[in-house]
Protein backbone atom coordinates (compact mmCIF):
# COMPACT_ATOMS: atom_id res chain seq x y z
CA MET A 1 0.00 0.00 0.00
CA ALA A 2 1.34 3.35 -0.92
CA ARG A 3 2.19 5.62 2.01
CA LYS A 4 0.26 8.81 2.27
CA ARG A 5 2.31 11.92 1.84
CA SER A 6 2.11 14.17 4.85
CA ALA A 7 0.78 17.63 4.28
CA PRO A 8 3.52 20.26 4.07
CA ARG A 9 4.10 22.14 7.29
CA PRO A 10 3.10 25.79 7.23
CA ALA A 11 6.04 28.16 7.12
CA ARG A 12 6.88 29.67 10.51
CA SER A 13 5.94 33.26 10.88
CA LYS A 14 8.87 35.60 11.28
CA GLN A 15 6.86 38.02 13.34
CA PRO A 16 7.93 36.75 16.80
CA GLY A 17 11.57 37.06 15.79
CA SER A 18 10.95 40.50 14.40
CA ARG A 19 9.23 41.49 17.58
CA ARG A 20 12.12 40.22 19.64
CA ALA A 21 14.58 42.12 17.48
CA ALA A 22 12.52 45.29 17.78
CA LEU A 23 12.32 44.80 21.54
CA ARG A 24 16.09 44.42 21.72
CA LEU A 25 16.57 47.59 19.71
CA TRP A 26 14.20 49.45 22.01
CA ALA A 27 15.65 48.05 25.19
CA MET A 28 19.33 48.59 24.36
CA PRO A 29 19.39 52.39 24.89
CA THR A 30 17.47 51.93 28.12
CA LEU A 31 19.97 49.37 29.37
CA ILE A 32 22.90 51.57 28.40
CA ILE A 33 21.45 54.56 30.25
CA ALA A 34 20.62 52.43 33.27
CA GLY A 35 24.14 51.10 33.36
CA LEU A 36 25.70 54.51 32.86
CA PHE A 37 23.82 56.13 35.71
CA ALA A 38 23.76 53.24 38.13
CA GLY A 39 23.40 54.20 41.75
CA ALA A 40 25.91 53.81 44.51
CA ILE A 41 25.44 50.06 44.85
CA GLY A 42 26.06 49.45 41.17
CA TRP A 43 29.06 51.77 41.16
CA GLN A 44 30.56 49.97 44.15
CA ALA A 45 30.16 46.65 42.37
CA LEU A 46 31.77 48.11 39.25
CA THR A 47 34.84 49.31 41.13
CA ALA A 48 35.09 46.46 43.64
CA HIS A 49 37.79 44.64 41.67
CA ARG A 50 39.83 47.69 40.70
CA HIS A 51 43.00 48.55 42.49
CA THR A 52 42.41 51.65 44.57
CA THR A 53 45.13 53.62 42.79
CA GLN A 54 42.95 53.52 39.65
CA VAL A 55 40.33 55.80 41.19
CA GLY A 56 41.32 59.39 41.95
CA GLY A 57 44.46 61.35 41.30
CA PRO A 58 45.95 64.85 41.29
CA TYR A 59 43.65 67.75 40.55
CA SER A 60 43.94 71.49 40.02
CA LEU A 61 40.78 73.49 40.71
CA ILE A 62 39.53 76.82 42.12
CA ASP A 63 37.82 77.32 45.48
CA SER A 64 34.98 79.71 46.33
CA ALA A 65 37.47 82.50 47.15
CA ASN A 66 38.94 82.12 43.65
CA HIS A 67 42.14 80.58 45.01
CA PRO A 68 43.87 77.81 43.06
CA THR A 69 43.45 74.53 44.92
CA THR A 70 45.17 71.20 44.44
CA GLN A 71 45.23 67.98 46.43
CA ALA A 72 48.38 69.28 48.15
CA ARG A 73 46.23 71.71 50.15
CA PHE A 74 44.78 68.75 52.05
CA ALA A 75 48.00 66.78 52.52
CA GLY A 76 47.84 64.79 55.74
CA ARG A 77 44.04 65.12 55.95
CA GLN A 78 41.40 62.76 54.71
CA THR A 79 38.92 64.20 52.23
CA LEU A 80 35.36 63.16 51.45
CA ILE A 81 34.63 64.11 47.85
CA TYR A 82 31.26 64.43 46.14
CA PHE A 83 30.62 65.47 42.52
CA GLY A 84 27.47 67.39 41.60
CA TYR A 85 26.28 70.87 40.61
CA THR A 86 24.42 73.74 42.23
CA HIS A 87 21.39 73.65 39.91
CA CYS A 88 20.69 70.05 40.92
CA LEU A 89 17.15 69.83 42.28
CA ASP A 90 17.26 66.68 44.38
CA VAL A 91 20.23 64.32 44.69
CA CYS A 92 22.98 66.89 45.31
CA PRO A 93 21.27 68.95 48.04
CA LEU A 94 20.07 65.79 49.73
CA THR A 95 23.59 64.32 49.72
CA LEU A 96 25.23 67.47 51.10
CA ALA A 97 22.59 67.75 53.81
CA THR A 98 23.17 64.08 54.66
CA VAL A 99 26.94 64.56 54.92
CA ALA A 100 26.52 67.64 57.12
CA GLN A 101 24.21 65.73 59.46
CA ALA A 102 26.43 62.63 59.43
CA TYR A 103 29.39 64.69 60.63
CA THR A 104 27.48 65.56 63.79
CA LEU A 105 27.14 61.82 64.47
CA LEU A 106 30.80 60.84 64.08
CA PRO A 107 32.53 59.37 67.14
CA PRO A 108 34.05 62.00 69.42
CA GLY A 109 37.82 62.24 69.39
CA THR A 110 38.12 61.40 65.69
CA GLN A 111 39.37 63.70 62.95
CA ARG A 112 36.74 64.50 60.35
CA PRO A 113 37.62 64.26 56.66
CA VAL A 114 37.51 67.57 54.80
CA PRO A 115 34.26 67.50 52.78
CA LEU A 116 34.74 68.65 49.18
CA PHE A 117 32.00 69.42 46.65
CA ILE A 118 33.32 69.46 43.08
CA THR A 119 31.02 70.85 40.42
CA LEU A 120 30.33 69.12 37.14
CA ASP A 121 28.88 72.37 35.76
CA PRO A 122 31.72 74.92 35.50
CA GLU A 123 29.74 76.92 32.94
CA ARG A 124 27.21 78.03 35.57
CA ASP A 125 29.02 77.33 38.85
CA ARG A 126 31.39 80.25 39.34
CA PRO A 127 33.52 80.38 42.51
CA GLU A 128 31.18 82.74 44.38
CA ASP A 129 28.14 80.69 43.38
CA ILE A 130 29.55 77.44 44.65
CA GLY A 131 30.61 79.09 47.92
CA VAL A 132 27.10 80.38 48.61
CA TYR A 133 25.70 76.97 47.76
CA THR A 134 27.93 74.86 50.03
CA ARG A 135 27.51 77.23 52.99
CA ARG A 136 23.78 76.51 52.95
CA PHE A 137 24.61 73.03 54.20
CA SER A 138 27.74 73.45 56.30
CA PRO A 139 30.65 75.91 56.62
CA GLU A 140 32.92 72.87 56.59
CA ILE A 141 32.13 71.93 53.01
CA ILE A 142 34.61 73.36 50.51
CA GLY A 143 33.21 73.98 47.03
CA LEU A 144 35.52 73.64 44.06
CA THR A 145 35.08 74.62 40.43
CA GLY A 146 37.44 75.37 37.53
CA THR A 147 37.69 75.47 33.79
CA ALA A 148 35.88 72.89 31.68
CA ALA A 149 39.22 71.18 31.04
CA GLN A 150 40.04 71.04 34.75
CA ILE A 151 36.64 69.62 35.63
CA ASP A 152 36.83 67.05 32.82
CA ALA A 153 40.23 65.92 34.07
CA VAL A 154 39.20 65.39 37.68
CA ALA A 155 35.91 63.72 36.69
CA LYS A 156 37.85 61.32 34.47
CA ALA A 157 40.33 60.56 37.26
CA PHE A 158 37.47 59.61 39.59
CA HIS A 159 35.52 57.74 36.88
CA VAL A 160 32.52 60.02 37.26
CA THR A 161 29.84 59.44 34.63
CA SER A 162 27.60 62.30 33.55
CA HIS A 163 25.19 63.24 30.80
CA VAL A 164 23.72 66.63 29.91
CA THR A 165 20.06 66.83 28.96
CA VAL A 166 19.11 70.11 27.28
CA ASP A 167 15.72 71.79 27.08
CA PRO A 168 16.23 73.96 23.96
CA MET A 169 12.98 75.87 24.52
CA ALA A 170 13.77 76.99 28.06
CA GLY A 171 14.32 80.73 28.24
CA HIS A 172 13.00 81.48 24.76
CA ASP A 173 10.00 83.36 26.15
CA ARG A 174 12.48 85.70 27.86
CA GLY A 175 14.56 86.13 24.73
CA ASP A 176 17.54 84.36 26.31
CA GLU A 177 20.15 82.98 23.98
CA GLY A 178 22.46 80.05 24.38
CA MET A 179 21.85 76.35 24.97
CA GLY A 180 18.80 76.88 27.14
CA ASP A 181 18.19 75.18 30.46
CA TYR A 182 19.75 71.79 31.16
CA ARG A 183 20.27 69.21 33.82
CA ILE A 184 23.23 66.91 34.43
CA ASP A 185 22.56 63.28 35.27
CA HIS A 186 25.62 61.92 37.06
CA SER A 187 26.91 59.10 39.20
CA SER A 188 26.39 59.78 42.89
CA VAL A 189 28.85 58.34 45.41
CA LEU A 190 31.15 59.62 48.14
CA TYR A 191 34.91 59.13 47.71
CA LEU A 192 36.91 58.85 50.92
CA MET A 193 40.54 59.72 50.24
CA ASP A 194 43.42 59.36 52.70
CA GLY A 195 45.98 62.01 53.60
CA GLN A 196 48.00 61.20 50.47
CA ASN A 197 44.92 61.49 48.19
CA HIS A 198 44.63 57.73 47.77
CA LEU A 199 41.22 56.09 47.71
CA GLN A 200 40.18 54.44 50.96
CA ALA A 201 36.53 53.71 50.26
CA ILE A 202 33.59 54.45 47.97
CA LEU A 203 30.49 55.02 50.06
CA PRO A 204 26.85 55.08 48.94
CA ALA A 205 25.48 58.62 48.80
CA ASP A 206 21.85 57.55 49.06
CA SER A 207 22.11 56.55 52.73
CA SER A 208 20.83 58.03 55.96
CA PRO A 209 23.13 60.30 58.00
CA ALA A 210 23.48 57.53 60.58
CA THR A 211 24.59 55.05 57.91
CA VAL A 212 27.09 57.48 56.39
CA ALA A 213 28.55 58.13 59.86
CA HIS A 214 28.69 54.39 60.56
CA ASN A 215 30.47 53.71 57.25
CA LEU A 216 33.00 56.49 57.83
CA ALA A 217 33.84 55.67 61.45
CA PRO A 218 36.21 52.69 60.83
CA TYR A 219 38.43 54.83 58.61
CA LEU A 220 38.82 57.84 60.90
CA ALA A 221 42.01 58.57 62.77
CA LYS A 222 42.14 59.70 66.38
CA ARG A 223 42.91 63.35 67.00
């Protein structure tokens, strides 16, 4: 008896594959952005296997009194460095307020690190502006700015990631010219440097004052 020929199988639709490809194309920019601006936990994981000498380095900046400032100014003193900008609406003011409060909770008899706030927005953050800004949180915080080249160099040394988002229409109703209003999305961590400007620890910036104080305490020297 002759065998019956099986009916030909219908060709598989390519739509699921196309959908998956489209989804990958849509998701890729999102994943890149998420990775670029990972929070403190992600940044700590990223740097966990790097030798500490790879994060940080010499810098040459300008303080709020318009005085040239390098790492040599803080020789022998620990520094706690945070990168941000004065037009930041949320993360930066919250972090500086947290640091100021954390310093009141540090163990007595220990030497506090010098808190430094380095701007990522030298175009708008002039020396006097950054001085007014940091004093709102604590007179201990030293604000530093500089030329675009100086800021780029120190941000690169500390592996700071940032991205400028521009609103081209902002200010047009006032007849302002230029690039309009913009915000800077940036990595947000605290760098604890020793008295020779070598990295001791990278601390999460999105912590409570009590947690920041607790994380700092083991690294502090006695007075």
